[in-house]
Amino acid sequence: MPQQSIELKEGFTMIRWLANWASQHAPTPEKQAERALNNLRMELFQAEQLVLDAQLRADYYRARLTFLEEVTRKGIEQVSDERKAPLEPPQPLRPGLKLTAAQ
């Protein structure tokens, strides 16, 4: 009999431990909301990346379209000459500052 009593106590202890563990790790609404929040942030990031990619593609095709329109209007030689013309030197970021080579 004492052996059965010890086994029952161990069984109840195990059940109590398991119930306690389950109550602490149960998917509460807060935990579910936190998990959903992380998933939604990732979905938003991916959607924003798709938008940025689409904008880059649209800019690329817009530039190609503009180039081809210029070629049909002006001819390839003139468009090519305009593209080869030296560009204006870039404006300094801060007026008055000049970079010098390291000595």
N, C-alpha and C. Protein backbone atom coordinates (compact mmCIF):
# COMPACT_ATOMS: atom_id res chain seq x y z
N MET A 1 0.79 -1.21 0.00
CA MET A 1 0.00 0.00 0.00
C MET A 1 0.84 1.27 0.00
N PRO A 2 1.90 1.34 0.80
CA PRO A 2 2.68 2.57 0.80
C PRO A 2 3.27 2.85 -0.58
N GLN A 3 3.62 1.82 -1.33
CA GLN A 3 4.19 2.01 -2.67
C GLN A 3 3.15 2.67 -3.58
N GLN A 4 1.91 2.23 -3.50
CA GLN A 4 0.84 2.81 -4.33
C GLN A 4 0.59 4.26 -3.92
N SER A 5 0.67 4.55 -2.65
CA SER A 5 0.46 5.91 -2.17
C SER A 5 1.54 6.85 -2.72
N ILE A 6 2.77 6.38 -2.74
CA ILE A 6 3.87 7.20 -3.28
C ILE A 6 3.66 7.42 -4.78
N GLU A 7 3.26 6.37 -5.48
CA GLU A 7 3.02 6.49 -6.92
C GLU A 7 1.88 7.45 -7.21
N LEU A 8 0.82 7.42 -6.39
CA LEU A 8 -0.29 8.35 -6.57
C LEU A 8 0.15 9.78 -6.33
N LYS A 9 0.94 10.00 -5.28
CA LYS A 9 1.43 11.35 -4.99
C LYS A 9 2.30 11.85 -6.13
N GLU A 10 3.17 10.98 -6.65
CA GLU A 10 4.02 11.37 -7.77
C GLU A 10 3.16 11.67 -9.00
N GLY A 11 2.13 10.88 -9.20
CA GLY A 11 1.22 11.11 -10.33
C GLY A 11 0.50 12.44 -10.21
N PHE A 12 0.01 12.74 -8.99
CA PHE A 12 -0.66 14.03 -8.78
C PHE A 12 0.32 15.19 -8.92
N THR A 13 1.53 15.00 -8.44
CA THR A 13 2.55 16.04 -8.58
C THR A 13 2.84 16.30 -10.05
N MET A 14 2.95 15.24 -10.81
CA MET A 14 3.21 15.37 -12.24
C MET A 14 2.05 16.06 -12.94
N ILE A 15 0.83 15.68 -12.58
CA ILE A 15 -0.35 16.31 -13.19
C ILE A 15 -0.42 17.78 -12.81
N ARG A 16 -0.12 18.10 -11.55
CA ARG A 16 -0.12 19.49 -11.09
C ARG A 16 0.94 20.29 -11.85
N TRP A 17 2.13 19.70 -12.01
CA TRP A 17 3.21 20.37 -12.74
C TRP A 17 2.81 20.61 -14.19
N LEU A 18 2.21 19.59 -14.80
CA LEU A 18 1.78 19.69 -16.19
C LEU A 18 0.69 20.76 -16.35
N ALA A 19 -0.25 20.79 -15.44
CA ALA A 19 -1.32 21.80 -15.50
C ALA A 19 -0.74 23.20 -15.32
N ASN A 20 0.20 23.35 -14.40
CA ASN A 20 0.85 24.64 -14.18
C ASN A 20 1.62 25.07 -15.43
N TRP A 21 2.36 24.14 -16.01
CA TRP A 21 3.12 24.45 -17.22
C TRP A 21 2.18 24.87 -18.35
N ALA A 22 1.09 24.13 -18.51
CA ALA A 22 0.13 24.43 -19.58
C ALA A 22 -0.51 25.80 -19.38
N SER A 23 -0.81 26.14 -18.13
CA SER A 23 -1.44 27.44 -17.88
C SER A 23 -0.47 28.59 -18.16
N GLN A 24 0.82 28.36 -17.93
CA GLN A 24 1.81 29.42 -18.18
C GLN A 24 2.16 29.55 -19.65
N HIS A 25 2.04 28.47 -20.40
CA HIS A 25 2.42 28.49 -21.81
C HIS A 25 1.22 28.45 -22.75
N ALA A 26 0.06 28.61 -22.22
CA ALA A 26 -1.14 28.59 -23.05
C ALA A 26 -1.14 29.81 -23.98
N PRO A 27 -1.68 29.65 -25.17
CA PRO A 27 -1.72 30.78 -26.10
C PRO A 27 -2.77 31.81 -25.67
N THR A 28 -2.35 32.73 -24.82
CA THR A 28 -3.26 33.77 -24.35
C THR A 28 -3.51 34.76 -25.49
N PRO A 29 -4.56 35.54 -25.38
CA PRO A 29 -4.82 36.54 -26.43
C PRO A 29 -3.64 37.50 -26.62
N GLU A 30 -2.95 37.82 -25.52
CA GLU A 30 -1.80 38.72 -25.62
C GLU A 30 -0.67 38.08 -26.42
N LYS A 31 -0.40 36.80 -26.14
CA LYS A 31 0.66 36.10 -26.87
C LYS A 31 0.28 35.94 -28.34
N GLN A 32 -0.98 35.65 -28.59
CA GLN A 32 -1.43 35.52 -29.98
C GLN A 32 -1.32 36.86 -30.70
N ALA A 33 -1.67 37.93 -30.00
CA ALA A 33 -1.57 39.26 -30.61
C ALA A 33 -0.12 39.62 -30.90
N GLU A 34 0.77 39.27 -29.99
CA GLU A 34 2.19 39.56 -30.20
C GLU A 34 2.72 38.79 -31.42
N ARG A 35 2.34 37.54 -31.53
CA ARG A 35 2.77 36.73 -32.67
C ARG A 35 2.19 37.29 -33.97
N ALA A 36 0.91 37.67 -33.93
CA ALA A 36 0.26 38.24 -35.11
C ALA A 36 0.90 39.57 -35.49
N LEU A 37 1.28 40.36 -34.49
CA LEU A 37 1.93 41.64 -34.74
C LEU A 37 3.25 41.44 -35.47
N ASN A 38 4.04 40.49 -35.02
CA ASN A 38 5.31 40.21 -35.70
C ASN A 38 5.08 39.74 -37.13
N ASN A 39 4.08 38.89 -37.33
CA ASN A 39 3.78 38.42 -38.69
C ASN A 39 3.32 39.57 -39.58
N LEU A 40 2.48 40.44 -39.04
CA LEU A 40 1.99 41.57 -39.83
C LEU A 40 3.11 42.55 -40.17
N ARG A 41 4.03 42.74 -39.24
CA ARG A 41 5.17 43.62 -39.55
C ARG A 41 5.99 43.06 -40.70
N MET A 42 6.19 41.75 -40.71
CA MET A 42 6.93 41.13 -41.81
C MET A 42 6.16 41.26 -43.11
N GLU A 43 4.86 41.06 -43.07
CA GLU A 43 4.03 41.20 -44.28
C GLU A 43 4.10 42.63 -44.80
N LEU A 44 4.04 43.61 -43.89
CA LEU A 44 4.13 45.01 -44.31
C LEU A 44 5.48 45.30 -44.94
N PHE A 45 6.55 44.80 -44.34
CA PHE A 45 7.89 45.00 -44.89
C PHE A 45 7.97 44.42 -46.30
N GLN A 46 7.45 43.22 -46.49
CA GLN A 46 7.50 42.59 -47.80
C GLN A 46 6.66 43.37 -48.82
N ALA A 47 5.51 43.86 -48.39
CA ALA A 47 4.66 44.65 -49.29
C ALA A 47 5.36 45.95 -49.68
N GLU A 48 6.02 46.59 -48.71
CA GLU A 48 6.75 47.82 -49.02
C GLU A 48 7.90 47.54 -49.98
N GLN A 49 8.56 46.41 -49.82
CA GLN A 49 9.63 46.04 -50.74
C GLN A 49 9.09 45.85 -52.16
N LEU A 50 7.92 45.24 -52.27
CA LEU A 50 7.31 45.07 -53.59
C LEU A 50 6.99 46.42 -54.22
N VAL A 51 6.52 47.36 -53.40
CA VAL A 51 6.21 48.70 -53.92
C VAL A 51 7.49 49.39 -54.40
N LEU A 52 8.56 49.30 -53.60
CA LEU A 52 9.82 49.92 -54.00
C LEU A 52 10.35 49.29 -55.29
N ASP A 53 10.27 47.98 -55.38
CA ASP A 53 10.71 47.30 -56.61
C ASP A 53 9.88 47.75 -57.80
N ALA A 54 8.59 47.88 -57.61
CA ALA A 54 7.72 48.33 -58.70
C ALA A 54 8.05 49.76 -59.11
N GLN A 55 8.35 50.62 -58.14
CA GLN A 55 8.72 51.99 -58.46
C GLN A 55 10.03 52.04 -59.25
N LEU A 56 10.99 51.21 -58.87
CA LEU A 56 12.25 51.17 -59.61
C LEU A 56 12.03 50.69 -61.04
N ARG A 57 11.20 49.67 -61.19
CA ARG A 57 10.91 49.18 -62.54
C ARG A 57 10.19 50.24 -63.36
N ALA A 58 9.26 50.95 -62.75
CA ALA A 58 8.54 52.00 -63.47
C ALA A 58 9.50 53.11 -63.88
N ASP A 59 10.41 53.50 -63.00
CA ASP A 59 11.41 54.52 -63.35
C ASP A 59 12.29 54.06 -64.50
N TYR A 60 12.69 52.79 -64.47
CA TYR A 60 13.52 52.24 -65.54
C TYR A 60 12.79 52.32 -66.88
N TYR A 61 11.54 51.86 -66.92
CA TYR A 61 10.80 51.87 -68.18
C TYR A 61 10.46 53.30 -68.61
N ARG A 62 10.25 54.18 -67.65
CA ARG A 62 9.99 55.58 -67.98
C ARG A 62 11.22 56.19 -68.65
N ALA A 63 12.41 55.89 -68.13
CA ALA A 63 13.65 56.41 -68.71
C ALA A 63 13.87 55.83 -70.10
N ARG A 64 13.60 54.56 -70.28
CA ARG A 64 13.75 53.95 -71.61
C ARG A 64 12.79 54.57 -72.60
N LEU A 65 11.56 54.78 -72.16
CA LEU A 65 10.55 55.38 -73.02
C LEU A 65 10.96 56.79 -73.44
N THR A 66 11.44 57.57 -72.49
CA THR A 66 11.90 58.93 -72.79
C THR A 66 13.05 58.91 -73.79
N PHE A 67 13.99 58.01 -73.57
CA PHE A 67 15.13 57.90 -74.48
C PHE A 67 14.67 57.55 -75.89
N LEU A 68 13.80 56.57 -76.02
CA LEU A 68 13.34 56.16 -77.35
C LEU A 68 12.51 57.25 -78.02
N GLU A 69 11.74 58.00 -77.24
CA GLU A 69 10.99 59.12 -77.81
C GLU A 69 11.93 60.18 -78.36
N GLU A 70 13.01 60.46 -77.61
CA GLU A 70 14.00 61.43 -78.07
C GLU A 70 14.69 60.95 -79.35
N VAL A 71 15.01 59.67 -79.40
CA VAL A 71 15.66 59.11 -80.59
C VAL A 71 14.74 59.25 -81.79
N THR A 72 13.46 58.96 -81.63
CA THR A 72 12.55 59.07 -82.78
C THR A 72 12.33 60.53 -83.18
N ARG A 73 12.38 61.44 -82.22
CA ARG A 73 12.17 62.85 -82.52
C ARG A 73 13.41 63.52 -83.10
N LYS A 74 14.58 63.29 -82.47
CA LYS A 74 15.79 64.03 -82.84
C LYS A 74 16.77 63.22 -83.68
N GLY A 75 16.69 61.93 -83.60
CA GLY A 75 17.67 61.09 -84.28
C GLY A 75 18.73 60.62 -83.30
N ILE A 76 19.29 59.47 -83.59
CA ILE A 76 20.22 58.85 -82.65
C ILE A 76 21.51 59.65 -82.48
N GLU A 77 21.99 60.30 -83.57
CA GLU A 77 23.25 61.03 -83.47
C GLU A 77 23.15 62.19 -82.48
N GLN A 78 22.07 62.94 -82.59
CA GLN A 78 21.93 64.10 -81.71
C GLN A 78 21.72 63.67 -80.26
N VAL A 79 20.95 62.63 -80.05
CA VAL A 79 20.73 62.14 -78.69
C VAL A 79 22.03 61.61 -78.12
N SER A 80 22.78 60.91 -78.95
CA SER A 80 24.07 60.37 -78.50
C SER A 80 25.03 61.50 -78.17
N ASP A 81 25.06 62.55 -79.02
CA ASP A 81 25.94 63.68 -78.76
C ASP A 81 25.56 64.39 -77.46
N GLU A 82 24.26 64.53 -77.21
CA GLU A 82 23.82 65.17 -75.97
C GLU A 82 24.25 64.37 -74.76
N ARG A 83 24.21 63.08 -74.88
CA ARG A 83 24.60 62.23 -73.75
C ARG A 83 26.11 62.25 -73.53
N LYS A 84 26.87 62.45 -74.61
CA LYS A 84 28.32 62.47 -74.48
C LYS A 84 28.83 63.82 -74.00
N ALA A 85 28.02 64.87 -74.12
CA ALA A 85 28.45 66.21 -73.72
C ALA A 85 28.85 66.19 -72.25
N PRO A 86 29.92 66.94 -71.93
CA PRO A 86 30.35 66.94 -70.52
C PRO A 86 29.26 67.51 -69.62
N LEU A 87 29.09 66.85 -68.53
CA LEU A 87 28.09 67.29 -67.57
C LEU A 87 28.64 68.45 -66.76
N GLU A 88 27.74 69.24 -66.21
CA GLU A 88 28.17 70.33 -65.35
C GLU A 88 28.86 69.74 -64.13
N PRO A 89 29.90 70.42 -63.63
CA PRO A 89 30.55 69.89 -62.43
C PRO A 89 29.56 69.90 -61.27
N PRO A 90 29.63 68.89 -60.43
CA PRO A 90 28.68 68.83 -59.32
C PRO A 90 28.87 70.00 -58.36
N GLN A 91 27.76 70.48 -57.85
CA GLN A 91 27.80 71.58 -56.89
C GLN A 91 28.33 71.07 -55.56
N PRO A 92 29.15 71.87 -54.88
CA PRO A 92 29.64 71.43 -53.57
C PRO A 92 28.47 71.29 -52.59
N LEU A 93 28.61 70.36 -51.68
CA LEU A 93 27.55 70.14 -50.71
C LEU A 93 27.37 71.34 -49.80
N ARG A 94 28.48 71.90 -49.37
CA ARG A 94 28.42 73.09 -48.53
C ARG A 94 29.24 74.19 -49.20
N PRO A 95 28.64 75.30 -49.52
CA PRO A 95 29.41 76.37 -50.16
C PRO A 95 30.53 76.83 -49.23
N GLY A 96 31.67 77.09 -49.82
CA GLY A 96 32.80 77.58 -49.04
C GLY A 96 33.75 76.49 -48.58
N LEU A 97 33.30 75.26 -48.54
CA LEU A 97 34.18 74.17 -48.13
C LEU A 97 34.84 73.58 -49.37
N LYS A 98 36.14 73.45 -49.31
CA LYS A 98 36.85 72.84 -50.42
C LYS A 98 37.71 71.72 -49.88
N LEU A 99 37.65 70.61 -50.55
CA LEU A 99 38.45 69.47 -50.14
C LEU A 99 39.83 69.58 -50.77
N THR A 100 40.83 69.28 -50.01
CA THR A 100 42.19 69.28 -50.54
C THR A 100 42.76 67.90 -50.39
N ALA A 101 43.69 67.58 -51.25
CA ALA A 101 44.31 66.25 -51.19
C ALA A 101 45.16 66.16 -49.93
N ALA A 102 45.22 64.97 -49.37
CA ALA A 102 46.04 64.76 -48.17
C ALA A 102 47.50 64.87 -48.55
N GLN A 103 48.27 65.53 -47.72
CA GLN A 103 49.69 65.73 -48.03
C GLN A 103 50.55 64.75 -47.30
